[in-house]
Amino acid sequence: MTGDRSSLDQPARLALLQIMEDRHGKASTIITSRLPVKEWYDYIGDPTLADAILDRLLHQAHRIELKGESLRKKR
């Protein structure tokens, strides 16, 4: 893991899993993050729950990864 990011605590992991479970196959979900997907396992912090969450999130997902400088820097 990079920087000073800590992992999610257990209540946050379970809440995220519940949200993904409730929406899976029923509704669209948009998530934006500066954290690369490869670091999500470490951020979620529990390999079993990370597998369950990411399975529901990434199944049939459309990922768009942006590269380049932040537009905030240009202002």
Protein backbone atom coordinates (compact mmCIF):
# COMPACT_ATOMS: atom_id res chain seq x y z
CA MET A 1 0.00 0.00 0.00
CA THR A 2 1.24 3.50 -0.73
CA GLY A 3 1.05 6.70 1.25
CA ASP A 4 -0.70 6.92 4.60
CA ARG A 5 -3.92 5.16 3.60
CA SER A 6 -5.28 2.85 6.24
CA SER A 7 -7.60 -0.05 5.61
CA LEU A 8 -11.35 -0.02 6.15
CA ASP A 9 -12.57 -1.07 9.58
CA GLN A 10 -14.87 -4.08 9.94
CA PRO A 11 -18.18 -2.12 10.03
CA ALA A 12 -17.18 -0.24 6.85
CA ARG A 13 -16.23 -3.50 5.10
CA LEU A 14 -19.53 -5.10 5.99
CA ALA A 15 -21.49 -1.99 4.96
CA LEU A 16 -19.72 -1.90 1.58
CA LEU A 17 -20.38 -5.61 1.06
CA GLN A 18 -24.07 -5.13 1.92
CA ILE A 19 -24.40 -2.22 -0.52
CA MET A 20 -22.72 -4.20 -3.31
CA GLU A 21 -24.83 -7.29 -2.52
CA ASP A 22 -28.07 -5.28 -2.59
CA ARG A 23 -27.23 -3.59 -5.91
CA HIS A 24 -25.54 -6.51 -7.72
CA GLY A 25 -27.48 -7.35 -10.86
CA LYS A 26 -30.23 -4.85 -10.02
CA ALA A 27 -28.81 -1.36 -10.35
CA SER A 28 -25.83 0.50 -11.74
CA THR A 29 -23.13 1.61 -9.37
CA ILE A 30 -20.54 4.27 -10.11
CA ILE A 31 -17.41 4.43 -8.00
CA THR A 32 -14.63 6.94 -8.46
CA SER A 33 -11.28 6.54 -6.79
CA ARG A 34 -7.73 7.77 -7.00
CA LEU A 35 -6.69 4.42 -5.51
CA PRO A 36 -5.68 1.94 -8.22
CA VAL A 37 -7.77 -1.25 -8.27
CA LYS A 38 -4.65 -3.33 -7.55
CA GLU A 39 -4.48 -1.62 -4.12
CA TRP A 40 -8.14 -2.17 -3.20
CA TYR A 41 -7.43 -5.54 -1.53
CA ASP A 42 -5.02 -3.88 0.88
CA TYR A 43 -7.40 -0.98 1.46
CA ILE A 44 -10.39 -3.23 2.16
CA GLY A 45 -8.15 -5.08 4.59
CA ASP A 46 -9.79 -8.52 4.71
CA PRO A 47 -8.99 -10.88 1.81
CA THR A 48 -12.25 -12.83 2.05
CA LEU A 49 -14.48 -9.76 2.15
CA ALA A 50 -12.34 -8.07 -0.52
CA ASP A 51 -12.94 -11.05 -2.83
CA ALA A 52 -16.69 -10.85 -2.24
CA ILE A 53 -16.87 -7.07 -2.68
CA LEU A 54 -14.66 -6.93 -5.76
CA ASP A 55 -16.38 -9.91 -7.34
CA ARG A 56 -19.70 -8.07 -7.21
CA LEU A 57 -18.20 -4.72 -8.16
CA LEU A 58 -15.99 -5.77 -11.06
CA HIS A 59 -18.27 -8.42 -12.58
CA GLN A 60 -19.46 -6.90 -15.87
CA ALA A 61 -17.83 -3.57 -14.92
CA HIS A 62 -16.72 -0.90 -17.33
CA ARG A 63 -13.48 0.56 -16.04
CA ILE A 64 -12.11 3.87 -17.23
CA GLU A 65 -8.63 4.71 -16.03
CA LEU A 66 -7.58 8.30 -16.56
CA LYS A 67 -3.96 9.26 -16.95
CA GLY A 68 -2.23 12.60 -17.00
CA GLU A 69 -1.98 15.68 -14.88
CA SER A 70 -4.79 16.85 -12.68
CA LEU A 71 -6.89 19.62 -14.19
CA ARG A 72 -6.77 21.32 -10.78
CA LYS A 73 -3.06 22.01 -11.30
CA LYS A 74 -3.80 23.92 -14.52
CA ARG A 75 -6.04 26.49 -12.82
